[in-house]
Structure formats: C-alpha cells, structure tokens
C-alpha cells in the first residue's frame, strides 16, 4: 500500500472509494507532486556571542524607554481627564436642614393617628414637600410624636414612614422608600413629646415634583385601638399667611380620613386625602444634600430657573388645593341634592299614603251605603211578603163568610 511521504499516512483499500488514488486522504497532497524541502524554515544564521549581547542590550533599552513613555502619557491623560471631566462634578458637600423650631406666629396642634377606623378617623398623616433645588438628595427625616399616659393605652405598637410621589390628592401606589417598623418608647409620664428620626439611604428626588412623607400604623399587626399623636403647626390666623416665615411655605399637611376599618394601605394609596392650605405643616424636619453627579451650580441658577420653578410648584400646590376644595364642594352639593331628593321622596310617599287612605275611606263608605241599601231592600221585601200574606188571609176569610153555612137535605123515602 502507498505511504504518504509528508504525513506518513498508509493508504487503505477502502480509501479508493472516497479519495483519488493519487491524493493522500489525510493531508490532501498529491504523491507525485510532493518534493522534500532542502532548507529548514527555522534555521537562522549563527551570530557571534559579542554581537548577540549588544543586540540584547539595545532591545532592552528600547523596551524600557517605551514603558517609560507610555507611563508618562497615561499619567498625563489621567490628570487631564480628572480636571476636564470631574472638575465640574466635584463640589463640596452642601446640606439643607429644615428648622425644628416653629416659625413666629405659628400655632401647634396634635392629631391622633389610629391603626384603623371609620369615617373622619385619621389612619394616615403626611407632609407634602418639594426638595431644595441645590440639595435634592434626602438622607434624614423625622417627626415630632406625642403620647399621653392613658389608662387604656396600647403598649408596644409600631409605626412606619413612607416616602412617595404626590399625585394631586393621594400618594403614589409605588413607594420610593419605606422605613422599618419602629416602636415609640413607652412613657410613664402624663405627657411626652419625642422626635423620631430615620436615616434615609440617600434618596435622590426631583425638585420639579411633589413628594409626601406619611406616617401610618396600619398593616403592622397593631391592635385596632393603637394610636399616637403627631404635632402640626400652622398660622394662628389662616387668612394672614404673608407674615409666616416658614422653611417650606409651599408645604402642607394631608390626612387620610375615609373609612378604613381594616387598615388597608392599598386603599389609602388609591383614595383621595384631605389636603390643608399652604403653610399648614406637620412638625417635621428633613435633611438634604447635593448630588455628587450634578452639574455646576451656575447651570442650575441660569436664567432665573429657581424662581420659575418656585412659581410652578406654587401653582401646582394651589391647583391641588383648588381641586380638593372643588371635590369637597361637589360632595357637599351632592349630599344636599341627596337630602332634597330624599325629602321630595318622603313628601311624595306621604302624599301617596294620604291619597291611599282617602281612597280606602271612600271605598269603605260606599260599601257601608251599599250594605244599608241592601238592608232596606230586604226590609221592603219582607214587608211586601207580610202584606201579601195578610191579603191572602183576608181573602180566604171573606170567601168563607159569603158562602155561609152548608145544610144537608134529607132524602125522601
């Protein structure tokens, strides 16, 4: 059998069925065209040891120079990129914290939040706010809670803080951040007021949007009668808002007061809330900082964007209040309409009952008259029958008298 001179493959008998007899089945060369190579490809001219040493030194010198050159270029590029790309974004940390002291002319109130309840029972309370333009990242918030040492106080209840976008009259169903369920320490005093602060994991917010931070005791396996007080502050005279120096004059408090006997949070995020006027806030504090990736401060303050944004937010806030008042007016008108409708229906029902009684009295009167007529008719018939009977008796007596006695004539023999 033929052996390939290049790969050494020994040709088999059945290879003729697939490959030409002149071609190697393994490497594919033609046997007759193959020629051995006289010079190896890997051979190189042998250099003297001194020449080889000089060449190696030159190669190493070139390599070191290249490495140093690339390192210098890389360092220069890094410095350039740092100043060019990051100098605009790196800013000193700016912090905005709301004042915990109520502004002058503010009155303090306390609202009781319960785990569940019927109509007009507060099962959630919130503070509507907008983040500051220069420091839109929220990293801390807190509320002032109050407690009294009632004899029927529920111990060891928990509450939760939720941050959501504000959708005009209710929070968004998807929360941006939810705190861990937190218990307020029990009090042995008659009254105590404590701040409860929460660390927020640096939540970036949009200064063009409204947000609400709201408190609830619902959905935390609390007893039905669990409750806590939360302080609120607003002007003593609601008609004079100009003199109020509030940290967030655009802010306002909101409450969920619809019937919620089972304390469903999903119901609270899908139903309208009661929104108070601008400047009426919960007693709260928030801390914000600037974003590490924001643009230069000048870019944010260009062309009076701050004032335009404040006007826009104020307009949106006023629109939300107007919409809430319109809904309340519509509800009041609807209730008045329902009361009038019910009154009309009662009057119509009363009138119908009177007419029905009158018709019944007329029917009964007609029946009594008919019964009297029937009794008269029967009486007349009885009198007629008696008269006819007497007449017949008289006629019978008269006939007997006229006939006289009857004598019997004896027979002659």
Protein backbone atom coordinates (compact mmCIF):
# COMPACT_ATOMS: atom_id res chain seq x y z
CA UNK A 1 0.00 0.00 0.00
CA UNK A 2 1.12 3.62 -0.63
CA UNK A 3 2.62 5.62 2.26
CA UNK A 4 2.35 9.45 2.20
CA UNK A 5 5.87 10.98 2.09
CA UNK A 6 4.70 14.07 4.01
CA UNK A 7 2.43 12.85 6.85
CA UNK A 8 3.30 9.12 6.80
CA UNK A 9 -0.30 8.01 6.37
CA UNK A 10 -0.56 4.45 4.98
CA UNK A 11 -3.27 4.28 2.43
CA UNK A 12 -6.01 1.67 2.94
CA UNK A 13 -8.01 -0.26 0.37
CA UNK A 14 -11.36 1.40 1.11
CA UNK A 15 -9.84 4.89 0.72
CA UNK A 16 -10.11 4.48 -3.05
CA UNK A 17 -13.89 4.68 -2.71
CA UNK A 18 -13.73 8.24 -1.36
CA UNK A 19 -10.41 9.84 -2.41
CA UNK A 20 -8.45 9.76 -5.67
CA UNK A 21 -5.66 7.17 -5.64
CA UNK A 22 -3.11 9.92 -6.39
CA UNK A 23 -4.15 12.03 -3.34
CA UNK A 24 -3.44 11.44 0.36
CA UNK A 25 -6.71 11.02 2.32
CA UNK A 26 -5.20 12.64 5.42
CA UNK A 27 -3.21 15.71 4.35
CA UNK A 28 -4.53 16.03 0.76
CA UNK A 29 -1.22 16.24 -1.17
CA UNK A 30 -0.63 14.56 -4.49
CA UNK A 31 2.05 11.91 -4.17
CA UNK A 32 3.79 12.67 -7.50
CA UNK A 33 3.95 16.44 -6.87
CA UNK A 34 5.47 16.29 -3.40
CA UNK A 35 9.10 17.39 -3.11
CA UNK A 36 11.24 17.33 0.07
CA UNK A 37 12.42 20.72 1.42
CA UNK A 38 16.17 21.06 1.31
CA UNK A 39 16.39 24.07 3.74
CA UNK A 40 14.65 24.26 7.10
CA UNK A 41 12.43 27.31 7.71
CA UNK A 42 13.56 27.61 11.29
CA UNK A 43 17.25 27.93 10.57
CA UNK A 44 18.86 31.29 11.24
CA UNK A 45 22.44 32.47 10.79
CA UNK A 46 24.56 31.90 13.88
CA UNK A 47 25.84 35.13 15.43
CA UNK A 48 28.88 35.63 17.49
CA UNK A 49 28.35 35.90 21.28
CA UNK A 50 29.55 39.52 21.44
CA UNK A 51 27.18 40.64 18.70
CA UNK A 52 24.25 38.84 20.33
CA UNK A 53 24.96 40.54 23.68
CA UNK A 54 24.98 44.01 22.12
CA UNK A 55 21.71 43.37 20.30
CA UNK A 56 20.02 42.18 23.50
CA UNK A 57 21.16 45.29 25.36
CA UNK A 58 19.76 47.53 22.63
CA UNK A 59 16.43 45.68 22.70
CA UNK A 60 16.13 46.02 26.48
CA UNK A 61 16.96 49.74 26.32
CA UNK A 62 14.25 50.28 23.72
CA UNK A 63 11.70 48.36 25.82
CA UNK A 64 12.47 50.42 28.96
CA UNK A 65 12.14 53.66 27.04
CA UNK A 66 8.80 52.55 25.58
CA UNK A 67 7.46 51.61 29.00
CA UNK A 68 8.52 54.96 30.50
CA UNK A 69 6.99 56.84 27.57
CA UNK A 70 3.65 55.01 27.87
CA UNK A 71 3.59 55.56 31.64
CA UNK A 72 4.13 59.32 31.22
CA UNK A 73 1.41 59.52 28.56
CA UNK A 74 -1.03 57.57 30.79
CA UNK A 75 -0.35 59.83 33.78
CA UNK A 76 -0.86 62.95 31.70
CA UNK A 77 -4.12 61.59 30.27
CA UNK A 78 -5.36 60.70 33.76
CA UNK A 79 -4.59 64.19 35.06
CA UNK A 80 -6.24 65.76 32.02
CA UNK A 81 -9.35 63.57 32.40
CA UNK A 82 -9.58 64.38 36.10
CA UNK A 83 -9.52 68.14 35.53
CA UNK A 84 -11.58 68.06 32.36
CA UNK A 85 -14.31 65.55 33.24
CA UNK A 86 -14.54 65.60 37.02
CA UNK A 87 -13.73 69.16 37.96
CA UNK A 88 -17.26 70.23 37.01
CA UNK A 89 -18.94 67.48 39.06
CA UNK A 90 -16.88 67.53 42.24
CA UNK A 91 -18.33 70.06 44.66
CA UNK A 92 -18.12 70.49 48.39
CA UNK A 93 -20.94 68.78 50.24
CA UNK A 94 -23.94 71.09 50.66
CA UNK A 95 -26.57 70.33 53.30
CA UNK A 96 -30.05 71.82 53.74
CA UNK A 97 -31.84 71.11 57.01
CA UNK A 98 -35.32 72.33 57.90
CA UNK A 99 -35.68 74.21 61.15
CA UNK A 100 -37.18 72.20 64.02
CA UNK A 101 -38.40 75.41 65.72
CA UNK A 102 -41.82 76.60 64.53
CA UNK A 103 -41.67 79.99 62.78
CA UNK A 104 -43.12 83.03 64.58
CA UNK A 105 -46.87 83.27 64.59
CA UNK A 106 -47.39 79.52 64.36
CA UNK A 107 -49.84 77.55 66.49
CA UNK A 108 -49.16 73.93 67.48
CA UNK A 109 -51.79 71.22 67.25
CA UNK A 110 -51.85 67.47 67.75
CA UNK A 111 -53.58 64.93 65.51
CA UNK A 112 -54.27 61.36 66.64
CA UNK A 113 -53.38 58.65 64.13
CA UNK A 114 -55.05 55.26 64.57
CA UNK A 115 -54.39 51.84 63.10
CA UNK A 116 -57.96 51.60 61.74
CA UNK A 117 -61.25 53.42 61.98
CA UNK A 118 -64.44 54.68 60.39
CA UNK A 119 -65.18 57.92 58.53
CA UNK A 120 -63.25 61.01 59.80
CA UNK A 121 -60.78 58.81 61.71
CA UNK A 122 -57.16 59.61 60.74
CA UNK A 123 -55.36 56.42 59.70
CA UNK A 124 -52.50 58.21 57.89
CA UNK A 125 -50.93 61.68 58.07
CA UNK A 126 -48.35 63.14 55.72
CA UNK A 127 -46.26 66.19 54.90
CA UNK A 128 -46.26 67.32 51.26
CA UNK A 129 -42.94 68.92 50.29
CA UNK A 130 -40.57 69.65 47.43
CA UNK A 131 -36.80 69.05 47.65
CA UNK A 132 -34.47 72.07 47.51
CA UNK A 133 -33.11 72.79 44.06
CA UNK A 134 -29.40 72.76 45.06
CA UNK A 135 -29.69 69.85 47.51
CA UNK A 136 -32.25 67.35 46.20
CA UNK A 137 -30.86 64.21 47.92
CA UNK A 138 -32.76 63.30 51.10
CA UNK A 139 -30.73 61.45 53.73
CA UNK A 140 -32.61 62.02 57.01
CA UNK A 141 -36.12 62.88 58.20
CA UNK A 142 -38.05 62.93 61.44
CA UNK A 143 -41.40 63.81 63.02
CA UNK A 144 -42.42 65.04 66.46
CA UNK A 145 -44.72 62.50 68.12
CA UNK A 146 -46.68 62.97 71.34
CA UNK A 147 -48.02 60.48 73.87
CA UNK A 148 -50.22 60.63 76.94
CA UNK A 149 -50.37 58.10 79.75
CA UNK A 150 -53.92 56.90 79.18
CA UNK A 151 -55.29 54.01 81.22
CA UNK A 152 -56.27 52.14 78.03
CA UNK A 153 -53.11 52.90 76.09
CA UNK A 154 -51.93 50.15 73.74
CA UNK A 155 -48.31 49.17 74.53
CA UNK A 156 -45.59 48.23 72.05
CA UNK A 157 -47.32 49.42 68.90
CA UNK A 158 -45.29 50.19 65.75
CA UNK A 159 -45.44 52.85 63.06
CA UNK A 160 -43.87 53.30 59.64
CA UNK A 161 -42.70 56.22 57.48
CA UNK A 162 -43.26 56.04 53.71
CA UNK A 163 -41.98 58.44 51.04
CA UNK A 164 -43.97 58.56 47.78
CA UNK A 165 -44.61 60.87 44.88
CA UNK A 166 -47.69 63.04 45.42
CA UNK A 167 -50.38 62.62 42.74
CA UNK A 168 -52.56 65.69 43.40
CA UNK A 169 -54.79 64.13 46.09
CA UNK A 170 -53.12 60.86 47.14
CA UNK A 171 -49.68 59.19 47.35
CA UNK A 172 -48.41 57.07 44.51
CA UNK A 173 -49.12 53.36 44.98
CA UNK A 174 -45.39 52.61 44.47
CA UNK A 175 -43.32 53.87 47.40
CA UNK A 176 -39.85 55.35 46.90
CA UNK A 177 -38.69 54.38 50.39
CA UNK A 178 -40.28 52.58 53.36
CA UNK A 179 -38.79 52.61 56.83
CA UNK A 180 -38.54 49.61 59.11
CA UNK A 181 -41.49 49.23 61.54
CA UNK A 182 -40.45 51.27 64.57
CA UNK A 183 -41.86 51.32 68.10
CA UNK A 184 -42.11 54.53 70.13
CA UNK A 185 -40.78 54.14 73.69
CA UNK A 186 -43.50 53.86 76.33
CA UNK A 187 -43.99 56.76 78.70
CA UNK A 188 -44.78 56.76 82.40
CA UNK A 189 -45.40 60.49 82.39
CA UNK A 190 -48.73 62.14 81.79
CA UNK A 191 -47.39 63.65 78.56
CA UNK A 192 -44.24 63.44 76.47
CA UNK A 193 -43.15 64.66 73.04
CA UNK A 194 -40.27 62.89 71.28
CA UNK A 195 -38.59 63.24 67.92
CA UNK A 196 -38.38 60.05 65.90
CA UNK A 197 -35.71 60.29 63.20
CA UNK A 198 -35.00 57.91 60.33
CA UNK A 199 -31.86 57.53 58.26
CA UNK A 200 -32.73 57.50 54.54
CA UNK A 201 -30.25 55.77 52.16
CA UNK A 202 -29.53 58.99 50.17
CA UNK A 203 -32.73 59.19 48.14
CA UNK A 204 -32.35 61.48 45.05
CA UNK A 205 -35.53 63.47 44.36
CA UNK A 206 -36.68 65.69 41.52
CA UNK A 207 -37.09 69.36 42.52
CA UNK A 208 -39.84 69.72 39.90
CA UNK A 209 -42.09 67.14 41.60
CA UNK A 210 -44.16 66.96 44.77
CA UNK A 211 -43.48 64.30 47.38
CA UNK A 212 -45.20 63.21 50.58
CA UNK A 213 -43.66 61.68 53.70
CA UNK A 214 -46.51 59.96 55.50
CA UNK A 215 -46.97 58.03 58.75
CA UNK A 216 -49.24 55.06 59.34
CA UNK A 217 -49.84 52.41 62.00
CA UNK A 218 -51.77 50.20 59.57
CA UNK A 219 -50.56 46.91 58.16
CA UNK A 220 -48.13 46.31 61.04
CA UNK A 221 -50.16 43.80 63.11
CA UNK A 222 -51.06 46.51 65.66
CA UNK A 223 -54.18 46.32 67.78
CA UNK A 224 -57.22 48.07 66.34
CA UNK A 225 -57.20 50.73 69.08
CA UNK A 226 -53.47 51.55 68.70
CA UNK A 227 -52.92 55.31 68.32
CA UNK A 228 -50.25 58.02 68.53
CA UNK A 229 -50.29 61.80 68.34
CA UNK A 230 -48.34 63.84 65.78
CA UNK A 231 -47.75 67.56 66.14
CA UNK A 232 -48.74 70.05 63.46
CA UNK A 233 -48.12 73.77 63.08
CA UNK A 234 -49.86 76.47 61.10
CA UNK A 235 -50.66 80.20 61.28
CA UNK A 236 -52.88 81.37 64.11
CA UNK A 237 -54.94 83.31 61.59
CA UNK A 238 -55.32 81.29 58.39
CA UNK A 239 -56.30 84.45 56.47
CA UNK A 240 -52.89 86.08 57.10
CA UNK A 241 -50.28 83.86 55.51
CA UNK A 242 -47.94 86.66 54.40
CA UNK A 243 -46.16 87.14 57.71
CA UNK A 244 -45.44 83.44 58.26
CA UNK A 245 -41.71 82.79 57.80
CA UNK A 246 -41.97 79.02 57.23
CA UNK A 247 -38.95 77.00 55.97
CA UNK A 248 -41.25 75.41 53.37
CA UNK A 249 -44.06 77.87 52.63
CA UNK A 250 -45.05 75.63 49.70
CA UNK A 251 -45.53 72.64 52.03
CA UNK A 252 -48.81 71.49 53.50
CA UNK A 253 -50.08 68.61 55.60
CA UNK A 254 -52.53 65.98 54.43
CA UNK A 255 -54.63 63.33 56.19
CA UNK A 256 -56.47 60.17 55.18
CA UNK A 257 -59.88 60.34 56.88
CA UNK A 258 -62.01 57.91 54.90
CA UNK A 259 -63.48 54.78 56.43
CA UNK A 260 -60.74 52.19 56.76
CA UNK A 261 -61.91 49.62 59.36
CA UNK A 262 -59.28 47.07 58.36
CA UNK A 263 -56.33 49.47 57.91
CA UNK A 264 -55.59 48.63 54.27
CA UNK A 265 -52.61 50.62 52.92
CA UNK A 266 -53.64 49.84 49.33
CA UNK A 267 -56.96 51.60 49.98
CA UNK A 268 -55.15 54.69 51.31
CA UNK A 269 -52.92 54.97 48.22
CA UNK A 270 -55.88 54.72 45.82
CA UNK A 271 -58.30 57.15 47.52
CA UNK A 272 -58.27 60.95 47.87
CA UNK A 273 -56.83 62.55 51.01
CA UNK A 274 -57.79 65.73 52.84
CA UNK A 275 -55.25 68.45 51.93
CA UNK A 276 -54.83 71.57 54.06
CA UNK A 277 -53.85 75.06 52.94
CA UNK A 278 -50.30 76.11 52.08
CA UNK A 279 -48.26 76.82 55.23
CA UNK A 280 -50.14 74.30 57.38
CA UNK A 281 -47.47 71.67 58.07
CA UNK A 282 -46.77 68.75 60.32
CA UNK A 283 -44.00 69.31 62.84
CA UNK A 284 -41.20 67.65 60.86
CA UNK A 285 -37.56 68.06 59.90
CA UNK A 286 -35.65 66.89 56.84
CA UNK A 287 -32.00 66.94 55.81
CA UNK A 288 -30.88 67.13 52.18
CA UNK A 289 -27.53 67.25 50.42
CA UNK A 290 -26.28 67.93 46.91
CA UNK A 291 -25.79 65.15 44.40
CA UNK A 292 -22.22 64.08 43.57
CA UNK A 293 -23.01 63.91 39.86
CA UNK A 294 -24.89 67.18 39.43
CA UNK A 295 -23.77 69.96 37.10
CA UNK A 296 -22.20 73.21 38.12
CA UNK A 297 -24.15 75.44 40.41
CA UNK A 298 -24.24 78.11 37.72
CA UNK A 299 -26.06 75.75 35.35
CA UNK A 300 -28.88 75.33 37.86
CA UNK A 301 -29.23 79.03 38.52
CA UNK A 302 -29.20 80.09 34.87
CA UNK A 303 -31.98 82.34 33.56
CA UNK A 304 -33.86 82.51 36.85
CA UNK A 305 -34.75 78.79 36.85
CA UNK A 306 -35.10 78.82 40.65
CA UNK A 307 -37.81 81.48 40.64
CA UNK A 308 -39.66 79.87 37.73
CA UNK A 309 -39.57 76.51 39.47
CA UNK A 310 -40.92 78.02 42.69
CA UNK A 311 -43.73 79.65 40.74
CA UNK A 312 -44.51 76.34 39.05
CA UNK A 313 -44.55 74.46 42.34
CA UNK A 314 -46.67 77.14 43.97
CA UNK A 315 -49.11 76.96 41.06
CA UNK A 316 -49.29 73.18 41.28
CA UNK A 317 -49.84 73.37 45.02
CA UNK A 318 -52.62 75.91 44.65
CA UNK A 319 -54.20 73.81 41.91
CA UNK A 320 -54.14 70.77 44.20
CA UNK A 321 -55.86 72.79 46.93
CA UNK A 322 -58.44 74.17 44.48
CA UNK A 323 -59.16 70.67 43.17
CA UNK A 324 -59.60 69.37 46.70
CA UNK A 325 -61.97 72.22 47.56
CA UNK A 326 -63.92 71.65 44.35
CA UNK A 327 -64.29 67.97 45.21
CA UNK A 328 -65.44 68.90 48.71
CA UNK A 329 -67.96 71.39 47.26
CA UNK A 330 -69.19 68.75 44.84
CA UNK A 331 -69.58 66.28 47.69
CA UNK A 332 -71.48 68.90 49.72
CA UNK A 333 -73.73 69.72 46.76
CA UNK A 334 -74.25 66.04 46.13
CA UNK A 335 -75.18 65.48 49.77
CA UNK A 336 -77.58 68.45 49.65
CA UNK A 337 -79.09 67.10 46.44
CA UNK A 338 -79.49 63.68 48.02
CA UNK A 339 -81.12 65.24 51.10
CA UNK A 340 -83.53 67.23 48.90
CA UNK A 341 -84.29 64.15 46.83
CA UNK A 342 -84.96 62.13 49.95
CA UNK A 343 -87.20 64.91 51.27
CA UNK A 344 -89.15 65.04 47.99
CA UNK A 345 -89.47 61.27 48.01
CA UNK A 346 -90.73 61.33 51.61
CA UNK A 347 -93.28 64.04 50.76
CA UNK A 348 -94.45 62.12 47.71
CA UNK A 349 -94.69 58.93 49.75
CA UNK A 350 -96.61 60.77 52.48
CA UNK A 351 -98.98 62.30 49.89
CA UNK A 352 -99.48 58.90 48.29
CA UNK A 353 -100.28 57.38 51.68
CA UNK A 354 -102.81 60.16 52.36
CA UNK A 355 -104.47 59.62 48.97
CA UNK A 356 -104.48 55.88 49.54
CA UNK A 357 -106.15 56.33 52.94
CA UNK A 358 -108.72 58.68 51.41
CA UNK A 359 -109.48 56.19 48.66
CA UNK A 360 -109.82 53.44 51.24
CA UNK A 361 -112.20 55.59 53.31
CA UNK A 362 -114.30 56.33 50.20
CA UNK A 363 -114.42 52.65 49.34
CA UNK A 364 -115.46 51.74 52.86
CA UNK A 365 -118.13 54.49 52.82
CA UNK A 366 -119.52 53.17 49.52
CA UNK A 367 -119.56 49.64 50.93
CA UNK A 368 -121.44 50.82 54.03
CA UNK A 369 -124.01 52.67 51.85
CA UNK A 370 -124.42 49.61 49.67
CA UNK A 371 -124.95 47.49 52.78
CA UNK A 372 -127.57 49.94 54.04
CA UNK A 373 -129.37 49.89 50.69
CA UNK A 374 -129.29 46.12 50.73
CA UNK A 375 -130.77 46.03 54.22
CA UNK A 376 -133.51 48.48 53.17
CA UNK A 377 -134.31 46.37 50.11
CA UNK A 378 -134.53 43.24 52.21
CA UNK A 379 -136.77 45.02 54.72
CA UNK A 380 -139.09 46.20 51.96
CA UNK A 381 -139.23 42.68 50.54
CA UNK A 382 -140.13 41.28 53.95
CA UNK A 383 -142.85 43.91 54.37
CA UNK A 384 -144.23 43.13 50.92
CA UNK A 385 -144.27 39.42 51.70
CA UNK A 386 -146.05 40.08 55.01
CA UNK A 387 -148.59 42.28 53.30
CA UNK A 388 -149.29 39.69 50.63
CA UNK A 389 -149.68 37.04 53.27
CA UNK A 390 -152.18 39.16 55.16
CA UNK A 391 -154.12 39.87 51.97
CA UNK A 392 -154.36 36.21 51.17
CA UNK A 393 -155.64 35.51 54.68
CA UNK A 394 -158.26 38.24 54.40
CA UNK A 395 -159.43 36.98 51.05
CA UNK A 396 -159.78 33.47 52.42
CA UNK A 397 -161.91 34.66 55.36
CA UNK A 398 -164.18 36.75 53.14
CA UNK A 399 -164.87 33.81 50.87
CA UNK A 400 -165.96 31.61 53.75
CA UNK A 401 -168.41 34.23 55.05
CA UNK A 402 -170.06 34.75 51.70
CA UNK A 403 -170.65 31.10 51.18
CA UNK A 404 -172.49 30.79 54.52
CA UNK A 405 -173.33 27.51 56.35
CA UNK A 406 -173.96 24.42 54.31
CA UNK A 407 -177.15 22.41 55.15
CA UNK A 408 -177.72 18.80 54.24
CA UNK A 409 -181.21 17.96 52.75
CA UNK A 410 -182.56 14.62 53.93
CA UNK A 411 -183.66 12.13 51.35
CA UNK A 412 -187.31 11.17 51.00
CA UNK A 413 -188.30 7.62 51.40
